[in-house]
């Protein structure tokens, strides 16, 4: 058991894991750039709402020249992200002296691994032409939860979790807590200032987008209507119906693109 822990700690602190994390961050950043671009197109009526999500972004990319190759590259990159976070969940955060905080951070790493895993699986399905259909969608997943005993409460709790995660991202962006992910060079000089601005805008925009999704889940829980829930695509379509909705969707799209660029900066100046 001790040997396994020692091996895990060695892997968590190894140089090869840095390369794994950097490759994964580039893939994750690319996905966010695509989503941001599609969100802006949605705002101007040049894309459907179904495109403005990670699944829609990957499907759109697959239709481009060499798209299938790029999808495989992104899917592999996301698998590397999963590997990084799983190692972190099992053996990471050893420098955290508070045991409760250490386990909370490990749980967060596990949650991120699951999130990245869904993007990786989607990419593989699209690359192998097994994910070309519309699938069940978020509303069908919500319907399954709603049909469970206490399903309405479960969906409400999911909504609260999504809202909390979105709020955490906004707080991290506003307070510049994301700077811990950059090495000293990545936080200094003109380049550092640009990276920090990208991170600030990106984290806040992503947090707002996630809170919009959480709001849809909460509305579905309150009304007991699964179809009221949805992903980013439905959230952005809802925002478009508000006064100044087009400007808000453009702002969210630009923010998500900024988050993607920050992922590139983090890959270059990685501090785990």
C-alpha atoms as a PDB file:
ATOM      1  CA  UNK A   1       0.000   0.000   0.000  1.00  0.00           C
ATOM      2  CA  UNK A   2       2.795   2.407   0.909  1.00  0.00           C
ATOM      3  CA  UNK A   3       4.610   1.464  -2.283  1.00  0.00           C
ATOM      4  CA  UNK A   4       1.494   2.294  -4.291  1.00  0.00           C
ATOM      5  CA  UNK A   5       1.178   5.684  -2.579  1.00  0.00           C
ATOM      6  CA  UNK A   6       4.864   6.423  -3.177  1.00  0.00           C
ATOM      7  CA  UNK A   7       4.488   5.483  -6.848  1.00  0.00           C
ATOM      8  CA  UNK A   8       1.400   7.681  -7.117  1.00  0.00           C
ATOM      9  CA  UNK A   9       3.138  10.655  -5.535  1.00  0.00           C
ATOM     10  CA  UNK A  10       6.087  10.134  -7.862  1.00  0.00           C
ATOM     11  CA  UNK A  11       3.751  10.107 -10.862  1.00  0.00           C
ATOM     12  CA  UNK A  12       1.872  13.198  -9.635  1.00  0.00           C
ATOM     13  CA  UNK A  13       5.127  15.164  -9.379  1.00  0.00           C
ATOM     14  CA  UNK A  14       6.724  13.798 -12.547  1.00  0.00           C
ATOM     15  CA  UNK A  15       7.738  15.778 -15.616  1.00  0.00           C
ATOM     16  CA  UNK A  16       5.794  13.491 -17.943  1.00  0.00           C
ATOM     17  CA  UNK A  17       2.568  14.454 -16.183  1.00  0.00           C
ATOM     18  CA  UNK A  18       3.383  18.093 -16.948  1.00  0.00           C
ATOM     19  CA  UNK A  19       3.467  17.170 -20.642  1.00  0.00           C
ATOM     20  CA  UNK A  20       0.175  15.294 -20.253  1.00  0.00           C
ATOM     21  CA  UNK A  21      -1.444  18.319 -18.580  1.00  0.00           C
ATOM     22  CA  UNK A  22      -0.143  20.729 -21.224  1.00  0.00           C
ATOM     23  CA  UNK A  23      -1.471  18.609 -24.086  1.00  0.00           C
ATOM     24  CA  UNK A  24      -4.829  18.298 -22.364  1.00  0.00           C
ATOM     25  CA  UNK A  25      -5.075  22.032 -21.703  1.00  0.00           C
ATOM     26  CA  UNK A  26      -4.434  22.807 -25.380  1.00  0.00           C
ATOM     27  CA  UNK A  27      -7.279  20.448 -26.332  1.00  0.00           C
ATOM     28  CA  UNK A  28      -9.582  21.962 -23.692  1.00  0.00           C
ATOM     29  CA  UNK A  29      -8.713  25.466 -24.830  1.00  0.00           C
ATOM     30  CA  UNK A  30      -9.492  24.556 -28.425  1.00  0.00           C
ATOM     31  CA  UNK A  31     -12.952  23.305 -27.429  1.00  0.00           C
ATOM     32  CA  UNK A  32     -13.676  26.594 -25.644  1.00  0.00           C
ATOM     33  CA  UNK A  33     -12.494  28.646 -28.614  1.00  0.00           C
ATOM     34  CA  UNK A  34     -14.882  26.692 -30.838  1.00  0.00           C
ATOM     35  CA  UNK A  35     -17.790  27.112 -28.414  1.00  0.00           C
ATOM     36  CA  UNK A  36     -17.095  30.838 -28.108  1.00  0.00           C
ATOM     37  CA  UNK A  37     -16.997  31.247 -31.880  1.00  0.00           C
ATOM     38  CA  UNK A  38     -20.245  29.303 -32.316  1.00  0.00           C
ATOM     39  CA  UNK A  39     -21.942  31.315 -29.550  1.00  0.00           C
ATOM     40  CA  UNK A  40     -21.085  34.529 -31.396  1.00  0.00           C
ATOM     41  CA  UNK A  41     -22.432  33.031 -34.627  1.00  0.00           C
ATOM     42  CA  UNK A  42     -25.602  32.059 -32.760  1.00  0.00           C
ATOM     43  CA  UNK A  43     -26.018  35.665 -31.605  1.00  0.00           C
ATOM     44  CA  UNK A  44     -26.023  36.828 -35.230  1.00  0.00           C
ATOM     45  CA  UNK A  45     -28.271  34.019 -36.451  1.00  0.00           C
ATOM     46  CA  UNK A  46     -25.490  32.236 -38.347  1.00  0.00           C
ATOM     47  CA  UNK A  47     -25.584  29.034 -36.279  1.00  0.00           C
ATOM     48  CA  UNK A  48     -28.232  26.948 -34.572  1.00  0.00           C
ATOM     49  CA  UNK A  49     -28.474  26.832 -30.788  1.00  0.00           C
ATOM     50  CA  UNK A  50     -27.526  23.129 -30.905  1.00  0.00           C
ATOM     51  CA  UNK A  51     -24.063  24.105 -32.192  1.00  0.00           C
ATOM     52  CA  UNK A  52     -23.214  26.258 -29.149  1.00  0.00           C
ATOM     53  CA  UNK A  53     -22.099  23.449 -26.857  1.00  0.00           C
ATOM     54  CA  UNK A  54     -19.096  21.156 -26.574  1.00  0.00           C
ATOM     55  CA  UNK A  55     -20.931  18.486 -28.592  1.00  0.00           C
ATOM     56  CA  UNK A  56     -22.034  20.990 -31.221  1.00  0.00           C
ATOM     57  CA  UNK A  57     -18.544  22.460 -31.435  1.00  0.00           C
ATOM     58  CA  UNK A  58     -16.989  19.048 -32.038  1.00  0.00           C
ATOM     59  CA  UNK A  59     -19.613  18.165 -34.647  1.00  0.00           C
ATOM     60  CA  UNK A  60     -18.959  21.444 -36.446  1.00  0.00           C
ATOM     61  CA  UNK A  61     -15.219  20.810 -36.361  1.00  0.00           C
ATOM     62  CA  UNK A  62     -15.741  17.308 -37.765  1.00  0.00           C
ATOM     63  CA  UNK A  63     -17.293  18.844 -40.883  1.00  0.00           C
ATOM     64  CA  UNK A  64     -14.170  20.883 -41.661  1.00  0.00           C
ATOM     65  CA  UNK A  65     -11.202  19.727 -43.797  1.00  0.00           C
ATOM     66  CA  UNK A  66      -9.115  17.309 -41.692  1.00  0.00           C
ATOM     67  CA  UNK A  67     -11.888  17.618 -39.112  1.00  0.00           C
ATOM     68  CA  UNK A  68     -11.858  13.928 -38.172  1.00  0.00           C
ATOM     69  CA  UNK A  69      -8.121  14.069 -37.470  1.00  0.00           C
ATOM     70  CA  UNK A  70      -8.568  17.181 -35.325  1.00  0.00           C
ATOM     71  CA  UNK A  71     -11.411  15.524 -33.421  1.00  0.00           C
ATOM     72  CA  UNK A  72      -9.161  12.569 -32.610  1.00  0.00           C
ATOM     73  CA  UNK A  73      -6.411  14.943 -31.454  1.00  0.00           C
ATOM     74  CA  UNK A  74      -8.854  16.755 -29.158  1.00  0.00           C
ATOM     75  CA  UNK A  75     -10.337  13.480 -27.865  1.00  0.00           C
ATOM     76  CA  UNK A  76      -6.869  12.153 -27.037  1.00  0.00           C
ATOM     77  CA  UNK A  77      -6.017  15.458 -25.377  1.00  0.00           C
ATOM     78  CA  UNK A  78      -9.141  15.236 -23.233  1.00  0.00           C
ATOM     79  CA  UNK A  79      -8.253  11.656 -22.291  1.00  0.00           C
ATOM     80  CA  UNK A  80      -4.903  13.001 -21.107  1.00  0.00           C
ATOM     81  CA  UNK A  81      -6.768  15.576 -19.019  1.00  0.00           C
ATOM     82  CA  UNK A  82      -8.747  12.729 -17.455  1.00  0.00           C
ATOM     83  CA  UNK A  83      -5.513  10.876 -16.653  1.00  0.00           C
ATOM     84  CA  UNK A  84      -4.018  13.998 -15.059  1.00  0.00           C
ATOM     85  CA  UNK A  85      -7.050  14.664 -12.871  1.00  0.00           C
ATOM     86  CA  UNK A  86      -7.431  11.022 -11.830  1.00  0.00           C
ATOM     87  CA  UNK A  87      -3.807  10.906 -10.662  1.00  0.00           C
ATOM     88  CA  UNK A  88      -4.391  14.211  -8.877  1.00  0.00           C
ATOM     89  CA  UNK A  89      -7.576  12.848  -7.268  1.00  0.00           C
ATOM     90  CA  UNK A  90      -5.773   9.747  -6.026  1.00  0.00           C
ATOM     91  CA  UNK A  91      -2.425  11.158  -4.950  1.00  0.00           C
ATOM     92  CA  UNK A  92      -2.448  14.951  -5.398  1.00  0.00           C
ATOM     93  CA  UNK A  93      -2.624  17.969  -3.101  1.00  0.00           C
ATOM     94  CA  UNK A  94      -0.071  16.491  -0.712  1.00  0.00           C
ATOM     95  CA  UNK A  95       1.088  20.006   0.221  1.00  0.00           C
ATOM     96  CA  UNK A  96      -2.345  20.744   1.724  1.00  0.00           C
ATOM     97  CA  UNK A  97      -1.929  20.325   5.495  1.00  0.00           C
ATOM     98  CA  UNK A  98      -5.656  20.461   6.250  1.00  0.00           C
ATOM     99  CA  UNK A  99      -6.923  16.931   5.601  1.00  0.00           C
ATOM    100  CA  UNK A 100     -10.503  18.039   4.908  1.00  0.00           C
ATOM    101  CA  UNK A 101      -9.340  20.578   2.328  1.00  0.00           C
ATOM    102  CA  UNK A 102      -7.060  17.988   0.775  1.00  0.00           C
ATOM    103  CA  UNK A 103      -9.933  15.530   0.305  1.00  0.00           C
ATOM    104  CA  UNK A 104     -12.204  18.298  -0.960  1.00  0.00           C
ATOM    105  CA  UNK A 105      -9.616  19.232  -3.582  1.00  0.00           C
ATOM    106  CA  UNK A 106      -9.255  15.594  -4.547  1.00  0.00           C
ATOM    107  CA  UNK A 107     -13.025  15.310  -4.938  1.00  0.00           C
ATOM    108  CA  UNK A 108     -12.928  18.391  -7.177  1.00  0.00           C
ATOM    109  CA  UNK A 109     -10.211  16.773  -9.277  1.00  0.00           C
ATOM    110  CA  UNK A 110     -12.376  13.657  -9.626  1.00  0.00           C
ATOM    111  CA  UNK A 111     -15.332  15.787 -10.714  1.00  0.00           C
ATOM    112  CA  UNK A 112     -13.175  17.479 -13.343  1.00  0.00           C
ATOM    113  CA  UNK A 113     -12.006  14.078 -14.577  1.00  0.00           C
ATOM    114  CA  UNK A 114     -15.649  13.078 -15.114  1.00  0.00           C
ATOM    115  CA  UNK A 115     -16.371  16.360 -16.922  1.00  0.00           C
ATOM    116  CA  UNK A 116     -13.369  15.985 -19.215  1.00  0.00           C
ATOM    117  CA  UNK A 117     -14.279  12.352 -19.756  1.00  0.00           C
ATOM    118  CA  UNK A 118     -17.688  13.290 -21.163  1.00  0.00           C
ATOM    119  CA  UNK A 119     -16.034  15.594 -23.716  1.00  0.00           C
ATOM    120  CA  UNK A 120     -13.520  12.856 -24.609  1.00  0.00           C
ATOM    121  CA  UNK A 121     -16.278  10.257 -25.091  1.00  0.00           C
ATOM    122  CA  UNK A 122     -18.287  12.690 -27.211  1.00  0.00           C
ATOM    123  CA  UNK A 123     -15.241  13.350 -29.384  1.00  0.00           C
ATOM    124  CA  UNK A 124     -14.596   9.637 -29.870  1.00  0.00           C
ATOM    125  CA  UNK A 125     -18.263   9.011 -30.724  1.00  0.00           C
ATOM    126  CA  UNK A 126     -18.222  11.785 -33.332  1.00  0.00           C
ATOM    127  CA  UNK A 127     -14.874  10.647 -34.763  1.00  0.00           C
ATOM    128  CA  UNK A 128     -16.191   7.098 -35.140  1.00  0.00           C
ATOM    129  CA  UNK A 129     -19.543   8.380 -36.471  1.00  0.00           C
ATOM    130  CA  UNK A 130     -21.383   6.851 -33.530  1.00  0.00           C
ATOM    131  CA  UNK A 131     -22.412  10.198 -32.061  1.00  0.00           C
ATOM    132  CA  UNK A 132     -23.898  11.818 -35.124  1.00  0.00           C
ATOM    133  CA  UNK A 133     -27.462  11.716 -33.871  1.00  0.00           C
ATOM    134  CA  UNK A 134     -29.053  14.067 -31.435  1.00  0.00           C
ATOM    135  CA  UNK A 135     -28.993  11.495 -28.660  1.00  0.00           C
ATOM    136  CA  UNK A 136     -31.104  11.824 -25.589  1.00  0.00           C
ATOM    137  CA  UNK A 137     -29.947  15.257 -24.579  1.00  0.00           C
ATOM    138  CA  UNK A 138     -29.927  16.981 -21.233  1.00  0.00           C
ATOM    139  CA  UNK A 139     -33.704  17.003 -20.953  1.00  0.00           C
ATOM    140  CA  UNK A 140     -33.909  13.187 -21.210  1.00  0.00           C
ATOM    141  CA  UNK A 141     -31.267  12.839 -18.517  1.00  0.00           C
ATOM    142  CA  UNK A 142     -33.257  15.232 -16.335  1.00  0.00           C
ATOM    143  CA  UNK A 143     -36.435  13.254 -17.081  1.00  0.00           C
ATOM    144  CA  UNK A 144     -34.760  10.055 -15.860  1.00  0.00           C
ATOM    145  CA  UNK A 145     -33.716  11.798 -12.651  1.00  0.00           C
ATOM    146  CA  UNK A 146     -37.186  13.295 -12.254  1.00  0.00           C
ATOM    147  CA  UNK A 147     -38.766   9.834 -12.443  1.00  0.00           C
ATOM    148  CA  UNK A 148     -36.701   8.558  -9.511  1.00  0.00           C
ATOM    149  CA  UNK A 149     -38.133   8.651  -5.976  1.00  0.00           C
ATOM    150  CA  UNK A 150     -37.532  12.200  -4.807  1.00  0.00           C
ATOM    151  CA  UNK A 151     -36.500  13.058  -8.365  1.00  0.00           C
ATOM    152  CA  UNK A 152     -37.642  16.670  -8.179  1.00  0.00           C
ATOM    153  CA  UNK A 153     -35.417  17.170  -5.124  1.00  0.00           C
ATOM    154  CA  UNK A 154     -32.492  15.426  -6.859  1.00  0.00           C
ATOM    155  CA  UNK A 155     -32.766  17.725  -9.879  1.00  0.00           C
ATOM    156  CA  UNK A 156     -32.934  20.698  -7.513  1.00  0.00           C
ATOM    157  CA  UNK A 157     -29.762  19.538  -5.769  1.00  0.00           C
ATOM    158  CA  UNK A 158     -28.051  19.105  -9.154  1.00  0.00           C
ATOM    159  CA  UNK A 159     -29.109  22.655  -9.985  1.00  0.00           C
ATOM    160  CA  UNK A 160     -27.635  23.953  -6.736  1.00  0.00           C
ATOM    161  CA  UNK A 161     -24.381  22.127  -7.469  1.00  0.00           C
ATOM    162  CA  UNK A 162     -24.172  23.650 -10.949  1.00  0.00           C
ATOM    163  CA  UNK A 163     -24.995  27.117  -9.594  1.00  0.00           C
ATOM    164  CA  UNK A 164     -22.347  26.754  -6.874  1.00  0.00           C
ATOM    165  CA  UNK A 165     -19.720  25.708  -9.416  1.00  0.00           C
ATOM    166  CA  UNK A 166     -20.584  28.657 -11.645  1.00  0.00           C
ATOM    167  CA  UNK A 167     -20.400  31.053  -8.686  1.00  0.00           C
ATOM    168  CA  UNK A 168     -17.029  29.570  -7.725  1.00  0.00           C
ATOM    169  CA  UNK A 169     -15.669  30.241 -11.216  1.00  0.00           C
ATOM    170  CA  UNK A 170     -16.930  33.828 -11.116  1.00  0.00           C
ATOM    171  CA  UNK A 171     -15.325  34.344  -7.710  1.00  0.00           C
ATOM    172  CA  UNK A 172     -12.081  32.792  -8.934  1.00  0.00           C
ATOM    173  CA  UNK A 173     -12.091  35.104 -11.935  1.00  0.00           C
ATOM    174  CA  UNK A 174     -12.953  38.240  -9.967  1.00  0.00           C
ATOM    175  CA  UNK A 175     -10.345  37.602  -7.262  1.00  0.00           C
ATOM    176  CA  UNK A 176      -7.790  36.331  -9.815  1.00  0.00           C
ATOM    177  CA  UNK A 177      -7.456  33.081  -7.895  1.00  0.00           C
ATOM    178  CA  UNK A 178      -6.616  31.387 -11.193  1.00  0.00           C
ATOM    179  CA  UNK A 179      -3.140  32.961 -11.075  1.00  0.00           C
ATOM    180  CA  UNK A 180      -1.988  30.003  -8.990  1.00  0.00           C
ATOM    181  CA  UNK A 181      -2.156  27.973 -12.200  1.00  0.00           C
ATOM    182  CA  UNK A 182       0.556  30.099 -13.844  1.00  0.00           C
ATOM    183  CA  UNK A 183       4.270  30.001 -13.095  1.00  0.00           C
ATOM    184  CA  UNK A 184       6.136  33.183 -12.126  1.00  0.00           C
ATOM    185  CA  UNK A 185       6.973  34.072 -15.734  1.00  0.00           C
ATOM    186  CA  UNK A 186       3.346  33.686 -16.743  1.00  0.00           C
ATOM    187  CA  UNK A 187       2.307  36.319 -14.194  1.00  0.00           C
ATOM    188  CA  UNK A 188       4.955  38.958 -14.955  1.00  0.00           C
ATOM    189  CA  UNK A 189       5.498  41.587 -17.622  1.00  0.00           C
ATOM    190  CA  UNK A 190       3.146  42.584 -20.413  1.00  0.00           C
ATOM    191  CA  UNK A 191       2.499  38.968 -21.366  1.00  0.00           C
ATOM    192  CA  UNK A 192       1.559  38.158 -17.775  1.00  0.00           C
ATOM    193  CA  UNK A 193      -0.868  41.085 -17.655  1.00  0.00           C
ATOM    194  CA  UNK A 194      -2.516  39.853 -20.860  1.00  0.00           C
ATOM    195  CA  UNK A 195      -2.782  36.301 -19.522  1.00  0.00           C
ATOM    196  CA  UNK A 196      -4.340  37.522 -16.285  1.00  0.00           C
ATOM    197  CA  UNK A 197      -6.873  39.637 -18.184  1.00  0.00           C
ATOM    198  CA  UNK A 198      -7.792  36.631 -20.346  1.00  0.00           C
ATOM    199  CA  UNK A 199      -8.188  34.519 -17.229  1.00  0.00           C
ATOM    200  CA  UNK A 200     -10.320  37.119 -15.478  1.00  0.00           C
ATOM    201  CA  UNK A 201     -12.675  37.559 -18.406  1.00  0.00           C
ATOM    202  CA  UNK A 202     -12.696  33.847 -19.220  1.00  0.00           C
ATOM    203  CA  UNK A 203     -13.439  32.545 -15.746  1.00  0.00           C
ATOM    204  CA  UNK A 204     -16.216  35.084 -15.154  1.00  0.00           C
ATOM    205  CA  UNK A 205     -17.834  34.389 -18.533  1.00  0.00           C
ATOM    206  CA  UNK A 206     -17.647  30.631 -18.055  1.00  0.00           C
ATOM    207  CA  UNK A 207     -19.087  31.003 -14.567  1.00  0.00           C
ATOM    208  CA  UNK A 208     -22.001  33.039 -15.905  1.00  0.00           C
ATOM    209  CA  UNK A 209     -22.641  30.436 -18.633  1.00  0.00           C
ATOM    210  CA  UNK A 210     -22.650  27.602 -16.106  1.00  0.00           C
ATOM    211  CA  UNK A 211     -24.969  29.507 -13.778  1.00  0.00           C
ATOM    212  CA  UNK A 212     -27.375  29.966 -16.684  1.00  0.00           C
ATOM    213  CA  UNK A 213     -27.409  26.181 -17.108  1.00  0.00           C
ATOM    214  CA  UNK A 214     -27.954  25.788 -13.362  1.00  0.00           C
ATOM    215  CA  UNK A 215     -30.860  28.200 -13.585  1.00  0.00           C
ATOM    216  CA  UNK A 216     -32.511  26.037 -16.240  1.00  0.00           C
ATOM    217  CA  UNK A 217     -32.126  22.944 -14.066  1.00  0.00           C
ATOM    218  CA  UNK A 218     -33.598  24.795 -11.092  1.00  0.00           C
ATOM    219  CA  UNK A 219     -36.546  25.958 -13.174  1.00  0.00           C
ATOM    220  CA  UNK A 220     -37.082  22.370 -14.334  1.00  0.00           C
ATOM    221  CA  UNK A 221     -37.042  21.194 -10.719  1.00  0.00           C
ATOM    222  CA  UNK A 222     -39.517  23.846  -9.590  1.00  0.00           C
ATOM    223  CA  UNK A 223     -41.930  23.305 -12.487  1.00  0.00           C
ATOM    224  CA  UNK A 224     -41.398  19.514 -12.577  1.00  0.00           C
ATOM    225  CA  UNK A 225     -40.821  19.791 -16.351  1.00  0.00           C
ATOM    226  CA  UNK A 226     -37.662  18.050 -17.550  1.00  0.00           C
ATOM    227  CA  UNK A 227     -37.705  19.872 -20.883  1.00  0.00           C
ATOM    228  CA  UNK A 228     -37.153  23.165 -19.070  1.00  0.00           C
ATOM    229  CA  UNK A 229     -33.580  22.049 -18.314  1.00  0.00           C
ATOM    230  CA  UNK A 230     -30.819  22.203 -20.885  1.00  0.00           C
ATOM    231  CA  UNK A 231     -27.182  22.715 -21.670  1.00  0.00           C
ATOM    232  CA  UNK A 232     -25.296  25.782 -22.798  1.00  0.00           C
ATOM    233  CA  UNK A 233     -27.062  25.743 -26.164  1.00  0.00           C
ATOM    234  CA  UNK A 234     -30.506  26.121 -24.595  1.00  0.00           C
ATOM    235  CA  UNK A 235     -29.215  28.626 -22.033  1.00  0.00           C
ATOM    236  CA  UNK A 236     -27.838  30.908 -24.753  1.00  0.00           C
ATOM    237  CA  UNK A 237     -31.058  30.564 -26.765  1.00  0.00           C
ATOM    238  CA  UNK A 238     -32.969  31.668 -23.651  1.00  0.00           C
ATOM    239  CA  UNK A 239     -30.680  34.673 -23.174  1.00  0.00           C
ATOM    240  CA  UNK A 240     -31.268  35.731 -26.788  1.00  0.00           C
ATOM    241  CA  UNK A 241     -34.927  36.282 -25.895  1.00  0.00           C
ATOM    242  CA  UNK A 242     -34.062  38.932 -23.300  1.00  0.00           C
ATOM    243  CA  UNK A 243     -33.559  42.660 -23.971  1.00  0.00           C
ATOM    244  CA  UNK A 244     -29.954  43.135 -25.115  1.00  0.00           C
ATOM    245  CA  UNK A 245     -29.787  39.335 -25.393  1.00  0.00           C
ATOM    246  CA  UNK A 246     -27.697  39.437 -28.541  1.00  0.00           C
ATOM    247  CA  UNK A 247     -25.051  41.597 -26.849  1.00  0.00           C
ATOM    248  CA  UNK A 248     -25.035  39.305 -23.811  1.00  0.00           C
ATOM    249  CA  UNK A 249     -24.538  36.174 -25.927  1.00  0.00           C
ATOM    250  CA  UNK A 250     -21.716  37.865 -27.842  1.00  0.00           C
ATOM    251  CA  UNK A 251     -20.099  38.833 -24.534  1.00  0.00           C
ATOM    252  CA  UNK A 252     -20.396  35.249 -23.238  1.00  0.00           C
ATOM    253  CA  UNK A 253     -18.961  33.921 -26.501  1.00  0.00           C
ATOM    254  CA  UNK A 254     -15.996  36.289 -26.322  1.00  0.00           C
ATOM    255  CA  UNK A 255     -15.503  35.345 -22.675  1.00  0.00           C
ATOM    256  CA  UNK A 256     -15.486  31.616 -23.441  1.00  0.00           C
ATOM    257  CA  UNK A 257     -12.961  32.256 -26.200  1.00  0.00           C
ATOM    258  CA  UNK A 258     -10.852  34.187 -23.671  1.00  0.00           C
ATOM    259  CA  UNK A 259     -11.011  31.171 -21.357  1.00  0.00           C
ATOM    260  CA  UNK A 260      -9.762  29.021 -24.223  1.00  0.00           C
ATOM    261  CA  UNK A 261      -6.816  31.365 -24.792  1.00  0.00           C
ATOM    262  CA  UNK A 262      -6.061  31.299 -21.066  1.00  0.00           C
ATOM    263  CA  UNK A 263      -5.891  27.496 -21.271  1.00  0.00           C
ATOM    264  CA  UNK A 264      -3.170  27.930 -23.907  1.00  0.00           C
ATOM    265  CA  UNK A 265      -1.320  30.359 -21.638  1.00  0.00           C
ATOM    266  CA  UNK A 266      -1.651  27.955 -18.731  1.00  0.00           C
ATOM    267  CA  UNK A 267      -0.275  25.143 -20.876  1.00  0.00           C
ATOM    268  CA  UNK A 268       2.766  27.276 -21.682  1.00  0.00           C
ATOM    269  CA  UNK A 269       3.310  28.494 -18.114  1.00  0.00           C
ATOM    270  CA  UNK A 270       1.971  25.511 -16.181  1.00  0.00           C
ATOM    271  CA  UNK A 271       2.064  25.556 -12.409  1.00  0.00           C
ATOM    272  CA  UNK A 272       0.320  22.559 -10.880  1.00  0.00           C
END
